[in-house]
Amino acid sequence: MSRIFIATFASVYPLYVAKVEKKGRTKAELDQVIEWLTGFGPAALKDHLEAGTTFEDFFADAELNPRASSITGVICGVRVEHIEDPLMQKIRYLDKLVDELAKGKPMEKILRP
């Protein structure tokens, strides 16, 4: 099992915030991207952060966006569409969206139409 599966979402979330803010994006935009992917609105996201939910439980509770499979490209040297482990693929989907946000991609492109 990968260590990221048992890492808490709350331990990684501040890194996502720092990454996007460093590039001129906002925490609100990050939260919007997370909501698009997982279905977690502000209250649910806050609950997961406060509860110290692991990535495994975070994605087990999520209702993944039906368009998530349209997230393609390379993250950490691996094409996300070729990742076989379903949980790792979901984590990498999120990583890819955070990268796109940090790179200045327009929200309407990130939130696949």
PDB file of N, CA and C in Angstrom:
ATOM      1  N   MET A   1       0.857  -1.190   0.000  1.00  0.00           N
ATOM      2  CA  MET A   1       0.000   0.000   0.000  1.00  0.00           C
ATOM      3  C   MET A   1       0.895   1.243   0.000  1.00  0.00           C
ATOM      4  N   SER A   2       0.525   2.191  -0.790  1.00  0.00           N
ATOM      5  CA  SER A   2       1.274   3.437  -0.861  1.00  0.00           C
ATOM      6  C   SER A   2       1.066   4.258   0.405  1.00  0.00           C
ATOM      7  N   ARG A   3       2.111   4.953   0.834  1.00  0.00           N
ATOM      8  CA  ARG A   3       2.008   5.793   2.040  1.00  0.00           C
ATOM      9  C   ARG A   3       0.974   6.900   1.870  1.00  0.00           C
ATOM     10  N   ILE A   4       0.773   7.366   0.644  1.00  0.00           N
ATOM     11  CA  ILE A   4      -0.184   8.462   0.418  1.00  0.00           C
ATOM     12  C   ILE A   4      -1.605   8.022   0.771  1.00  0.00           C
ATOM     13  N   PHE A   5      -1.908   6.737   0.643  1.00  0.00           N
ATOM     14  CA  PHE A   5      -3.252   6.253   0.935  1.00  0.00           C
ATOM     15  C   PHE A   5      -3.628   6.503   2.392  1.00  0.00           C
ATOM     16  N   ILE A   6      -2.640   6.360   3.296  1.00  0.00           N
ATOM     17  CA  ILE A   6      -2.920   6.521   4.722  1.00  0.00           C
ATOM     18  C   ILE A   6      -2.533   7.911   5.238  1.00  0.00           C
ATOM     19  N   ALA A   7      -1.976   8.735   4.372  1.00  0.00           N
ATOM     20  CA  ALA A   7      -1.709  10.123   4.755  1.00  0.00           C
ATOM     21  C   ALA A   7      -3.047  10.839   4.894  1.00  0.00           C
ATOM     22  N   THR A   8      -3.088  11.822   5.776  1.00  0.00           N
ATOM     23  CA  THR A   8      -4.345  12.553   5.917  1.00  0.00           C
ATOM     24  C   THR A   8      -4.445  13.612   4.829  1.00  0.00           C
ATOM     25  N   PHE A   9      -5.664  13.810   4.374  1.00  0.00           N
ATOM     26  CA  PHE A   9      -5.906  14.860   3.386  1.00  0.00           C
ATOM     27  C   PHE A   9      -5.495  16.210   3.969  1.00  0.00           C
ATOM     28  N   ALA A  10      -5.749  16.390   5.284  1.00  0.00           N
ATOM     29  CA  ALA A  10      -5.420  17.654   5.958  1.00  0.00           C
ATOM     30  C   ALA A  10      -3.918  17.929   5.961  1.00  0.00           C
ATOM     31  N   SER A  11      -3.087  16.892   5.891  1.00  0.00           N
ATOM     32  CA  SER A  11      -1.637  17.108   5.882  1.00  0.00           C
ATOM     33  C   SER A  11      -1.142  17.580   4.517  1.00  0.00           C
ATOM     34  N   VAL A  12      -1.886  17.273   3.462  1.00  0.00           N
ATOM     35  CA  VAL A  12      -1.473  17.636   2.108  1.00  0.00           C
ATOM     36  C   VAL A  12      -2.178  18.908   1.619  1.00  0.00           C
ATOM     37  N   TYR A  13      -3.377  19.147   2.108  1.00  0.00           N
ATOM     38  CA  TYR A  13      -4.164  20.309   1.674  1.00  0.00           C
ATOM     39  C   TYR A  13      -3.389  21.632   1.784  1.00  0.00           C
ATOM     40  N   PRO A  14      -2.691  21.903   2.909  1.00  0.00           N
ATOM     41  CA  PRO A  14      -1.934  23.173   2.972  1.00  0.00           C
ATOM     42  C   PRO A  14      -0.849  23.280   1.888  1.00  0.00           C
ATOM     43  N   LEU A  15      -0.325  22.143   1.465  1.00  0.00           N
ATOM     44  CA  LEU A  15       0.669  22.150   0.386  1.00  0.00           C
ATOM     45  C   LEU A  15       0.011  22.527  -0.939  1.00  0.00           C
ATOM     46  N   TYR A  16      -1.199  22.023  -1.165  1.00  0.00           N
ATOM     47  CA  TYR A  16      -1.959  22.409  -2.354  1.00  0.00           C
ATOM     48  C   TYR A  16      -2.248  23.912  -2.324  1.00  0.00           C
ATOM     49  N   VAL A  17      -2.689  24.408  -1.164  1.00  0.00           N
ATOM     50  CA  VAL A  17      -3.000  25.840  -1.025  1.00  0.00           C
ATOM     51  C   VAL A  17      -1.751  26.672  -1.323  1.00  0.00           C
ATOM     52  N   ALA A  18      -0.634  26.299  -0.713  1.00  0.00           N
ATOM     53  CA  ALA A  18       0.616  27.048  -0.913  1.00  0.00           C
ATOM     54  C   ALA A  18       1.033  27.032  -2.386  1.00  0.00           C
ATOM     55  N   LYS A  19       0.887  25.899  -3.023  1.00  0.00           N
ATOM     56  CA  LYS A  19       1.287  25.764  -4.429  1.00  0.00           C
ATOM     57  C   LYS A  19       0.473  26.692  -5.326  1.00  0.00           C
ATOM     58  N   VAL A  20      -0.843  26.717  -5.145  1.00  0.00           N
ATOM     59  CA  VAL A  20      -1.671  27.549  -6.022  1.00  0.00           C
ATOM     60  C   VAL A  20      -1.536  29.032  -5.684  1.00  0.00           C
ATOM     61  N   GLU A  21      -1.427  29.352  -4.384  1.00  0.00           N
ATOM     62  CA  GLU A  21      -1.296  30.762  -4.001  1.00  0.00           C
ATOM     63  C   GLU A  21       0.035  31.345  -4.458  1.00  0.00           C
ATOM     64  N   LYS A  22       1.076  30.531  -4.442  1.00  0.00           N
ATOM     65  CA  LYS A  22       2.399  30.965  -4.915  1.00  0.00           C
ATOM     66  C   LYS A  22       2.332  31.386  -6.388  1.00  0.00           C
ATOM     67  N   LYS A  23       1.401  30.783  -7.112  1.00  0.00           N
ATOM     68  CA  LYS A  23       1.247  31.067  -8.542  1.00  0.00           C
ATOM     69  C   LYS A  23       0.115  32.056  -8.823  1.00  0.00           C
ATOM     70  N   GLY A  24      -0.396  32.714  -7.769  1.00  0.00           N
ATOM     71  CA  GLY A  24      -1.394  33.757  -7.971  1.00  0.00           C
ATOM     72  C   GLY A  24      -2.837  33.291  -8.017  1.00  0.00           C
ATOM     73  N   ARG A  25      -3.067  32.024  -7.695  1.00  0.00           N
ATOM     74  CA  ARG A  25      -4.446  31.528  -7.638  1.00  0.00           C
ATOM     75  C   ARG A  25      -4.912  31.567  -6.182  1.00  0.00           C
ATOM     76  N   THR A  26      -6.176  31.233  -5.939  1.00  0.00           N
ATOM     77  CA  THR A  26      -6.723  31.376  -4.598  1.00  0.00           C
ATOM     78  C   THR A  26      -7.139  30.037  -3.991  1.00  0.00           C
ATOM     79  N   LYS A  27      -7.258  30.035  -2.664  1.00  0.00           N
ATOM     80  CA  LYS A  27      -7.763  28.869  -1.942  1.00  0.00           C
ATOM     81  C   LYS A  27      -9.193  28.570  -2.398  1.00  0.00           C
ATOM     82  N   ALA A  28      -9.967  29.626  -2.663  1.00  0.00           N
ATOM     83  CA  ALA A  28     -11.350  29.432  -3.139  1.00  0.00           C
ATOM     84  C   ALA A  28     -11.364  28.687  -4.471  1.00  0.00           C
ATOM     85  N   GLU A  29     -10.431  29.009  -5.363  1.00  0.00           N
ATOM     86  CA  GLU A  29     -10.355  28.297  -6.644  1.00  0.00           C
ATOM     87  C   GLU A  29      -9.960  26.840  -6.416  1.00  0.00           C
ATOM     88  N   LEU A  30      -9.016  26.619  -5.502  1.00  0.00           N
ATOM     89  CA  LEU A  30      -8.618  25.249  -5.164  1.00  0.00           C
ATOM     90  C   LEU A  30      -9.815  24.466  -4.637  1.00  0.00           C
ATOM     91  N   ASP A  31     -10.553  25.079  -3.721  1.00  0.00           N
ATOM     92  CA  ASP A  31     -11.729  24.411  -3.155  1.00  0.00           C
ATOM     93  C   ASP A  31     -12.770  24.113  -4.231  1.00  0.00           C
ATOM     94  N   GLN A  32     -12.888  25.002  -5.206  1.00  0.00           N
ATOM     95  CA  GLN A  32     -13.825  24.783  -6.313  1.00  0.00           C
ATOM     96  C   GLN A  32     -13.396  23.569  -7.143  1.00  0.00           C
ATOM     97  N   VAL A  33     -12.109  23.433  -7.372  1.00  0.00           N
ATOM     98  CA  VAL A  33     -11.568  22.300  -8.125  1.00  0.00           C
ATOM     99  C   VAL A  33     -11.812  21.001  -7.346  1.00  0.00           C
ATOM    100  N   ILE A  34     -11.563  21.045  -6.037  1.00  0.00           N
ATOM    101  CA  ILE A  34     -11.786  19.860  -5.202  1.00  0.00           C
ATOM    102  C   ILE A  34     -13.267  19.479  -5.204  1.00  0.00           C
ATOM    103  N   GLU A  35     -14.133  20.483  -5.122  1.00  0.00           N
ATOM    104  CA  GLU A  35     -15.575  20.203  -5.150  1.00  0.00           C
ATOM    105  C   GLU A  35     -15.989  19.595  -6.490  1.00  0.00           C
ATOM    106  N   TRP A  36     -15.436  20.108  -7.575  1.00  0.00           N
ATOM    107  CA  TRP A  36     -15.772  19.570  -8.905  1.00  0.00           C
ATOM    108  C   TRP A  36     -15.404  18.085  -8.978  1.00  0.00           C
ATOM    109  N   LEU A  37     -14.218  17.741  -8.462  1.00  0.00           N
ATOM    110  CA  LEU A  37     -13.749  16.362  -8.555  1.00  0.00           C
ATOM    111  C   LEU A  37     -14.477  15.431  -7.586  1.00  0.00           C
ATOM    112  N   THR A  38     -14.688  15.891  -6.338  1.00  0.00           N
ATOM    113  CA  THR A  38     -15.160  14.990  -5.283  1.00  0.00           C
ATOM    114  C   THR A  38     -16.616  15.155  -4.888  1.00  0.00           C
ATOM    115  N   GLY A  39     -17.205  16.300  -5.231  1.00  0.00           N
ATOM    116  CA  GLY A  39     -18.562  16.593  -4.790  1.00  0.00           C
ATOM    117  C   GLY A  39     -18.614  17.194  -3.395  1.00  0.00           C
ATOM    118  N   PHE A  40     -17.468  17.380  -2.743  1.00  0.00           N
ATOM    119  CA  PHE A  40     -17.441  17.933  -1.387  1.00  0.00           C
ATOM    120  C   PHE A  40     -17.537  19.448  -1.427  1.00  0.00           C
ATOM    121  N   GLY A  41     -18.680  19.977  -0.961  1.00  0.00           N
ATOM    122  CA  GLY A  41     -18.844  21.414  -0.818  1.00  0.00           C
ATOM    123  C   GLY A  41     -18.030  21.914   0.366  1.00  0.00           C
ATOM    124  N   PRO A  42     -18.128  23.216   0.659  1.00  0.00           N
ATOM    125  CA  PRO A  42     -17.320  23.802   1.741  1.00  0.00           C
ATOM    126  C   PRO A  42     -17.473  23.102   3.091  1.00  0.00           C
ATOM    127  N   ALA A  43     -18.694  22.764   3.487  1.00  0.00           N
ATOM    128  CA  ALA A  43     -18.913  22.133   4.795  1.00  0.00           C
ATOM    129  C   ALA A  43     -18.294  20.733   4.843  1.00  0.00           C
ATOM    130  N   ALA A  44     -18.507  19.953   3.801  1.00  0.00           N
ATOM    131  CA  ALA A  44     -17.958  18.589   3.768  1.00  0.00           C
ATOM    132  C   ALA A  44     -16.430  18.624   3.725  1.00  0.00           C
ATOM    133  N   LEU A  45     -15.868  19.548   2.955  1.00  0.00           N
ATOM    134  CA  LEU A  45     -14.420  19.670   2.881  1.00  0.00           C
ATOM    135  C   LEU A  45     -13.854  20.022   4.255  1.00  0.00           C
ATOM    136  N   LYS A  46     -14.489  20.974   4.918  1.00  0.00           N
ATOM    137  CA  LYS A  46     -14.066  21.388   6.266  1.00  0.00           C
ATOM    138  C   LYS A  46     -14.131  20.199   7.228  1.00  0.00           C
ATOM    139  N   ASP A  47     -15.196  19.418   7.146  1.00  0.00           N
ATOM    140  CA  ASP A  47     -15.340  18.237   8.008  1.00  0.00           C
ATOM    141  C   ASP A  47     -14.200  17.247   7.798  1.00  0.00           C
ATOM    142  N   HIS A  48     -13.849  16.993   6.544  1.00  0.00           N
ATOM    143  CA  HIS A  48     -12.750  16.057   6.244  1.00  0.00           C
ATOM    144  C   HIS A  48     -11.419  16.603   6.758  1.00  0.00           C
ATOM    145  N   LEU A  49     -11.207  17.896   6.603  1.00  0.00           N
ATOM    146  CA  LEU A  49      -9.960  18.496   7.088  1.00  0.00           C
ATOM    147  C   LEU A  49      -9.865  18.401   8.610  1.00  0.00           C
ATOM    148  N   GLU A  50     -10.962  18.698   9.286  1.00  0.00           N
ATOM    149  CA  GLU A  50     -10.971  18.660  10.750  1.00  0.00           C
ATOM    150  C   GLU A  50     -10.883  17.234  11.291  1.00  0.00           C
ATOM    151  N   ALA A  51     -11.458  16.283  10.578  1.00  0.00           N
ATOM    152  CA  ALA A  51     -11.490  14.889  11.035  1.00  0.00           C
ATOM    153  C   ALA A  51     -10.167  14.164  10.789  1.00  0.00           C
ATOM    154  N   GLY A  52      -9.286  14.756   9.975  1.00  0.00           N
ATOM    155  CA  GLY A  52      -8.032  14.071   9.661  1.00  0.00           C
ATOM    156  C   GLY A  52      -8.240  12.849   8.794  1.00  0.00           C
ATOM    157  N   THR A  53      -9.186  12.937   7.879  1.00  0.00           N
ATOM    158  CA  THR A  53      -9.521  11.838   6.971  1.00  0.00           C
ATOM    159  C   THR A  53      -8.308  11.444   6.122  1.00  0.00           C
ATOM    160  N   THR A  54      -8.064  10.148   5.997  1.00  0.00           N
ATOM    161  CA  THR A  54      -6.999   9.676   5.103  1.00  0.00           C
ATOM    162  C   THR A  54      -7.439   9.854   3.651  1.00  0.00           C
ATOM    163  N   PHE A  55      -6.483   9.852   2.740  1.00  0.00           N
ATOM    164  CA  PHE A  55      -6.836   9.935   1.323  1.00  0.00           C
ATOM    165  C   PHE A  55      -7.745   8.776   0.938  1.00  0.00           C
ATOM    166  N   GLU A  56      -7.472   7.605   1.497  1.00  0.00           N
ATOM    167  CA  GLU A  56      -8.284   6.437   1.183  1.00  0.00           C
ATOM    168  C   GLU A  56      -9.754   6.682   1.560  1.00  0.00           C
ATOM    169  N   ASP A  57      -9.989   7.182   2.780  1.00  0.00           N
ATOM    170  CA  ASP A  57     -11.357   7.445   3.224  1.00  0.00           C
ATOM    171  C   ASP A  57     -11.956   8.668   2.530  1.00  0.00           C
ATOM    172  N   PHE A  58     -11.120   9.655   2.249  1.00  0.00           N
ATOM    173  CA  PHE A  58     -11.561  10.863   1.564  1.00  0.00           C
ATOM    174  C   PHE A  58     -12.183  10.499   0.217  1.00  0.00           C
ATOM    175  N   PHE A  59     -11.462   9.697  -0.559  1.00  0.00           N
ATOM    176  CA  PHE A  59     -11.986   9.315  -1.877  1.00  0.00           C
ATOM    177  C   PHE A  59     -13.066   8.238  -1.795  1.00  0.00           C
ATOM    178  N   ALA A  60     -13.072   7.443  -0.719  1.00  0.00           N
ATOM    179  CA  ALA A  60     -14.153   6.467  -0.530  1.00  0.00           C
ATOM    180  C   ALA A  60     -15.476   7.196  -0.313  1.00  0.00           C
ATOM    181  N   ASP A  61     -15.426   8.360   0.350  1.00  0.00           N
ATOM    182  CA  ASP A  61     -16.637   9.151   0.607  1.00  0.00           C
ATOM    183  C   ASP A  61     -17.036  10.035  -0.576  1.00  0.00           C
ATOM    184  N   ALA A  62     -16.113  10.253  -1.490  1.00  0.00           N
ATOM    185  CA  ALA A  62     -16.349  11.178  -2.605  1.00  0.00           C
ATOM    186  C   ALA A  62     -17.276  10.563  -3.650  1.00  0.00           C
ATOM    187  N   GLU A  63     -18.019  11.442  -4.310  1.00  0.00           N
ATOM    188  CA  GLU A  63     -18.769  11.049  -5.505  1.00  0.00           C
ATOM    189  C   GLU A  63     -18.016  11.650  -6.675  1.00  0.00           C
ATOM    190  N   LEU A  64     -17.117  10.869  -7.235  1.00  0.00           N
ATOM    191  CA  LEU A  64     -16.231  11.376  -8.279  1.00  0.00           C
ATOM    192  C   LEU A  64     -17.032  11.913  -9.459  1.00  0.00           C
ATOM    193  N   ASN A  65     -16.614  13.054  -9.939  1.00  0.00           N
ATOM    194  CA  ASN A  65     -17.275  13.675 -11.081  1.00  0.00           C
ATOM    195  C   ASN A  65     -17.247  12.701 -12.265  1.00  0.00           C
ATOM    196  N   PRO A  66     -18.374  12.529 -12.949  1.00  0.00           N
ATOM    197  CA  PRO A  66     -18.406  11.596 -14.082  1.00  0.00           C
ATOM    198  C   PRO A  66     -17.423  11.981 -15.190  1.00  0.00           C
ATOM    199  N   ARG A  67     -17.023  13.245 -15.237  1.00  0.00           N
ATOM    200  CA  ARG A  67     -16.072  13.683 -16.258  1.00  0.00           C
ATOM    201  C   ARG A  67     -14.618  13.569 -15.798  1.00  0.00           C
ATOM    202  N   ALA A  68     -14.382  12.993 -14.625  1.00  0.00           N
ATOM    203  CA  ALA A  68     -13.016  12.860 -14.106  1.00  0.00           C
ATOM    204  C   ALA A  68     -12.131  12.056 -15.065  1.00  0.00           C
ATOM    205  N   SER A  69     -12.709  11.107 -15.758  1.00  0.00           N
ATOM    206  CA  SER A  69     -11.906  10.293 -16.688  1.00  0.00           C
ATOM    207  C   SER A  69     -11.374  11.106 -17.860  1.00  0.00           C
ATOM    208  N   SER A  70     -11.871  12.338 -18.028  1.00  0.00           N
ATOM    209  CA  SER A  70     -11.338  13.194 -19.093  1.00  0.00           C
ATOM    210  C   SER A  70     -10.057  13.915 -18.652  1.00  0.00           C
ATOM    211  N   ILE A  71      -9.652  13.702 -17.391  1.00  0.00           N
ATOM    212  CA  ILE A  71      -8.386  14.269 -16.901  1.00  0.00           C
ATOM    213  C   ILE A  71      -7.271  13.384 -17.429  1.00  0.00           C
ATOM    214  N   THR A  72      -6.435  13.959 -18.265  1.00  0.00           N
ATOM    215  CA  THR A  72      -5.339  13.212 -18.867  1.00  0.00           C
ATOM    216  C   THR A  72      -4.049  14.004 -18.712  1.00  0.00           C
ATOM    217  N   GLY A  73      -2.959  13.339 -18.991  1.00  0.00           N
ATOM    218  CA  GLY A  73      -1.668  14.008 -18.938  1.00  0.00           C
ATOM    219  C   GLY A  73      -0.741  13.311 -17.963  1.00  0.00           C
ATOM    220  N   VAL A  74       0.425  13.910 -17.795  1.00  0.00           N
ATOM    221  CA  VAL A  74       1.474  13.300 -16.986  1.00  0.00           C
ATOM    222  C   VAL A  74       1.568  13.997 -15.640  1.00  0.00           C
ATOM    223  N   ILE A  75       1.648  13.188 -14.604  1.00  0.00           N
ATOM    224  CA  ILE A  75       1.886  13.690 -13.258  1.00  0.00           C
ATOM    225  C   ILE A  75       2.893  12.736 -12.616  1.00  0.00           C
ATOM    226  N   CYS A  76       3.941  13.288 -12.052  1.00  0.00           N
ATOM    227  CA  CYS A  76       5.013  12.475 -11.458  1.00  0.00           C
ATOM    228  C   CYS A  76       5.562  11.453 -12.460  1.00  0.00           C
ATOM    229  N   GLY A  77       5.630  11.853 -13.732  1.00  0.00           N
ATOM    230  CA  GLY A  77       6.199  11.005 -14.758  1.00  0.00           C
ATOM    231  C   GLY A  77       5.305   9.877 -15.251  1.00  0.00           C
ATOM    232  N   VAL A  78       4.057   9.857 -14.820  1.00  0.00           N
ATOM    233  CA  VAL A  78       3.129   8.783 -15.197  1.00  0.00           C
ATOM    234  C   VAL A  78       1.874   9.398 -15.793  1.00  0.00           C
ATOM    235  N   ARG A  79       1.376   8.819 -16.869  1.00  0.00           N
ATOM    236  CA  ARG A  79       0.129   9.292 -17.467  1.00  0.00           C
ATOM    237  C   ARG A  79      -1.023   8.881 -16.558  1.00  0.00           C
ATOM    238  N   VAL A  80      -1.818   9.856 -16.116  1.00  0.00           N
ATOM    239  CA  VAL A  80      -2.899   9.561 -15.158  1.00  0.00           C
ATOM    240  C   VAL A  80      -3.926   8.590 -15.723  1.00  0.00           C
ATOM    241  N   GLU A  81      -4.147   8.638 -17.022  1.00  0.00           N
ATOM    242  CA  GLU A  81      -5.148   7.750 -17.613  1.00  0.00           C
ATOM    243  C   GLU A  81      -4.688   6.287 -17.657  1.00  0.00           C
ATOM    244  N   HIS A  82      -3.389   6.045 -17.391  1.00  0.00           N
ATOM    245  CA  HIS A  82      -2.863   4.676 -17.416  1.00  0.00           C
ATOM    246  C   HIS A  82      -2.634   4.094 -16.022  1.00  0.00           C
ATOM    247  N   ILE A  83      -2.939   4.829 -14.980  1.00  0.00           N
ATOM    248  CA  ILE A  83      -2.743   4.332 -13.611  1.00  0.00           C
ATOM    249  C   ILE A  83      -3.801   3.262 -13.334  1.00  0.00           C
ATOM    250  N   GLU A  84      -3.337   2.089 -12.922  1.00  0.00           N
ATOM    251  CA  GLU A  84      -4.263   0.963 -12.745  1.00  0.00           C
ATOM    252  C   GLU A  84      -4.964   0.965 -11.401  1.00  0.00           C
ATOM    253  N   ASP A  85      -4.274   1.389 -10.327  1.00  0.00           N
ATOM    254  CA  ASP A  85      -4.901   1.390  -9.002  1.00  0.00           C
ATOM    255  C   ASP A  85      -5.940   2.509  -8.943  1.00  0.00           C
ATOM    256  N   PRO A  86      -7.210   2.184  -8.696  1.00  0.00           N
ATOM    257  CA  PRO A  86      -8.272   3.203  -8.733  1.00  0.00           C
ATOM    258  C   PRO A  86      -8.054   4.350  -7.734  1.00  0.00           C
ATOM    259  N   LEU A  87      -7.584   4.047  -6.524  1.00  0.00           N
ATOM    260  CA  LEU A  87      -7.356   5.100  -5.535  1.00  0.00           C
ATOM    261  C   LEU A  87      -6.199   5.998  -5.957  1.00  0.00           C
ATOM    262  N   MET A  88      -5.114   5.398  -6.399  1.00  0.00           N
ATOM    263  CA  MET A  88      -3.967   6.202  -6.840  1.00  0.00           C
ATOM    264  C   MET A  88      -4.366   7.078  -8.023  1.00  0.00           C
ATOM    265  N   GLN A  89      -5.192   6.558  -8.909  1.00  0.00           N
ATOM    266  CA  GLN A  89      -5.639   7.349 -10.049  1.00  0.00           C
ATOM    267  C   GLN A  89      -6.442   8.565  -9.578  1.00  0.00           C
ATOM    268  N   LYS A  90      -7.309   8.382  -8.591  1.00  0.00           N
ATOM    269  CA  LYS A  90      -8.092   9.508  -8.075  1.00  0.00           C
ATOM    270  C   LYS A  90      -7.192  10.553  -7.428  1.00  0.00           C
ATOM    271  N   ILE A  91      -6.196  10.096  -6.673  1.00  0.00           N
ATOM    272  CA  ILE A  91      -5.252  11.029  -6.052  1.00  0.00           C
ATOM    273  C   ILE A  91      -4.500  11.799  -7.131  1.00  0.00           C
ATOM    274  N   ARG A  92      -4.091  11.111  -8.167  1.00  0.00           N
ATOM    275  CA  ARG A  92      -3.350  11.769  -9.261  1.00  0.00           C
ATOM    276  C   ARG A  92      -4.258  12.686 -10.085  1.00  0.00           C
ATOM    277  N   TYR A  93      -5.541  12.359 -10.194  1.00  0.00           N
ATOM    278  CA  TYR A  93      -6.487  13.285 -10.827  1.00  0.00           C
ATOM    279  C   TYR A  93      -6.453  14.611 -10.069  1.00  0.00           C
ATOM    280  N   LEU A  94      -6.523  14.533  -8.748  1.00  0.00           N
ATOM    281  CA  LEU A  94      -6.496  15.748  -7.934  1.00  0.00           C
ATOM    282  C   LEU A  94      -5.174  16.488  -8.115  1.00  0.00           C
ATOM    283  N   ASP A  95      -4.074  15.748  -8.094  1.00  0.00           N
ATOM    284  CA  ASP A  95      -2.761  16.379  -8.307  1.00  0.00           C
ATOM    285  C   ASP A  95      -2.703  17.099  -9.652  1.00  0.00           C
ATOM    286  N   LYS A  96      -3.253  16.468 -10.671  1.00  0.00           N
ATOM    287  CA  LYS A  96      -3.241  17.055 -12.015  1.00  0.00           C
ATOM    288  C   LYS A  96      -4.069  18.337 -12.050  1.00  0.00           C
ATOM    289  N   LEU A  97      -5.229  18.322 -11.411  1.00  0.00           N
ATOM    290  CA  LEU A  97      -6.069  19.526 -11.368  1.00  0.00           C
ATOM    291  C   LEU A  97      -5.365  20.653 -10.616  1.00  0.00           C
ATOM    292  N   VAL A  98      -4.711  20.325  -9.514  1.00  0.00           N
ATOM    293  CA  VAL A  98      -3.966  21.333  -8.746  1.00  0.00           C
ATOM    294  C   VAL A  98      -2.836  21.904  -9.603  1.00  0.00           C
ATOM    295  N   ASP A  99      -2.141  21.039 -10.335  1.00  0.00           N
ATOM    296  CA  ASP A  99      -1.083  21.510 -11.243  1.00  0.00           C
ATOM    297  C   ASP A  99      -1.634  22.453 -12.298  1.00  0.00           C
ATOM    298  N   GLU A 100      -2.746  22.076 -12.896  1.00  0.00           N
ATOM    299  CA  GLU A 100      -3.347  22.926 -13.930  1.00  0.00           C
ATOM    300  C   GLU A 100      -3.735  24.284 -13.362  1.00  0.00           C
ATOM    301  N   LEU A 101      -4.285  24.289 -12.157  1.00  0.00           N
ATOM    302  CA  LEU A 101      -4.654  25.534 -11.493  1.00  0.00           C
ATOM    303  C   LEU A 101      -3.412  26.390 -11.256  1.00  0.00           C
ATOM    304  N   ALA A 102      -2.361  25.768 -10.731  1.00  0.00           N
ATOM    305  CA  ALA A 102      -1.122  26.495 -10.443  1.00  0.00           C
ATOM    306  C   ALA A 102      -0.459  27.023 -11.715  1.00  0.00           C
ATOM    307  N   LYS A 103      -0.648  26.325 -12.815  1.00  0.00           N
ATOM    308  CA  LYS A 103      -0.027  26.753 -14.081  1.00  0.00           C
ATOM    309  C   LYS A 103      -0.837  27.829 -14.793  1.00  0.00           C
ATOM    310  N   GLY A 104      -1.944  28.259 -14.181  1.00  0.00           N
ATOM    311  CA  GLY A 104      -2.705  29.362 -14.741  1.00  0.00           C
ATOM    312  C   GLY A 104      -3.753  28.984 -15.764  1.00  0.00           C
ATOM    313  N   LYS A 105      -4.040  27.708 -15.877  1.00  0.00           N
ATOM    314  CA  LYS A 105      -5.075  27.275 -16.818  1.00  0.00           C
ATOM    315  C   LYS A 105      -6.417  27.874 -16.388  1.00  0.00           C
ATOM    316  N   PRO A 106      -7.231  28.342 -17.330  1.00  0.00           N
ATOM    317  CA  PRO A 106      -8.536  28.920 -16.974  1.00  0.00           C
ATOM    318  C   PRO A 106      -9.440  27.889 -16.290  1.00  0.00           C
ATOM    319  N   MET A 107     -10.221  28.346 -15.315  1.00  0.00           N
ATOM    320  CA  MET A 107     -11.106  27.447 -14.559  1.00  0.00           C
ATOM    321  C   MET A 107     -12.052  26.680 -15.482  1.00  0.00           C
ATOM    322  N   GLU A 108     -12.564  27.346 -16.531  1.00  0.00           N
ATOM    323  CA  GLU A 108     -13.517  26.651 -17.417  1.00  0.00           C
ATOM    324  C   GLU A 108     -12.852  25.492 -18.156  1.00  0.00           C
ATOM    325  N   LYS A 109     -11.527  25.508 -18.275  1.00  0.00           N
ATOM    326  CA  LYS A 109     -10.808  24.375 -18.899  1.00  0.00           C
ATOM    327  C   LYS A 109     -10.500  23.310 -17.858  1.00  0.00           C
ATOM    328  N   ILE A 110     -10.146  23.737 -16.634  1.00  0.00           N
ATOM    329  CA  ILE A 110      -9.840  22.801 -15.565  1.00  0.00           C
ATOM    330  C   ILE A 110     -11.072  21.969 -15.207  1.00  0.00           C
ATOM    331  N   LEU A 111     -12.209  22.651 -15.089  1.00  0.00           N
ATOM    332  CA  LEU A 111     -13.468  21.975 -14.759  1.00  0.00           C
ATOM    333  C   LEU A 111     -14.087  21.486 -16.065  1.00  0.00           C
ATOM    334  N   ARG A 112     -13.510  20.449 -16.564  1.00  0.00           N
ATOM    335  CA  ARG A 112     -13.850  19.914 -17.879  1.00  0.00           C
ATOM    336  C   ARG A 112     -15.341  20.058 -18.199  1.00  0.00           C
ATOM    337  N   PRO A 113     -15.635  20.716 -19.346  1.00  0.00           N
ATOM    338  CA  PRO A 113     -17.043  20.922 -19.725  1.00  0.00           C
ATOM    339  C   PRO A 113     -17.724  19.630 -20.166  1.00  0.00           C
TER     340      PRO A 113
END
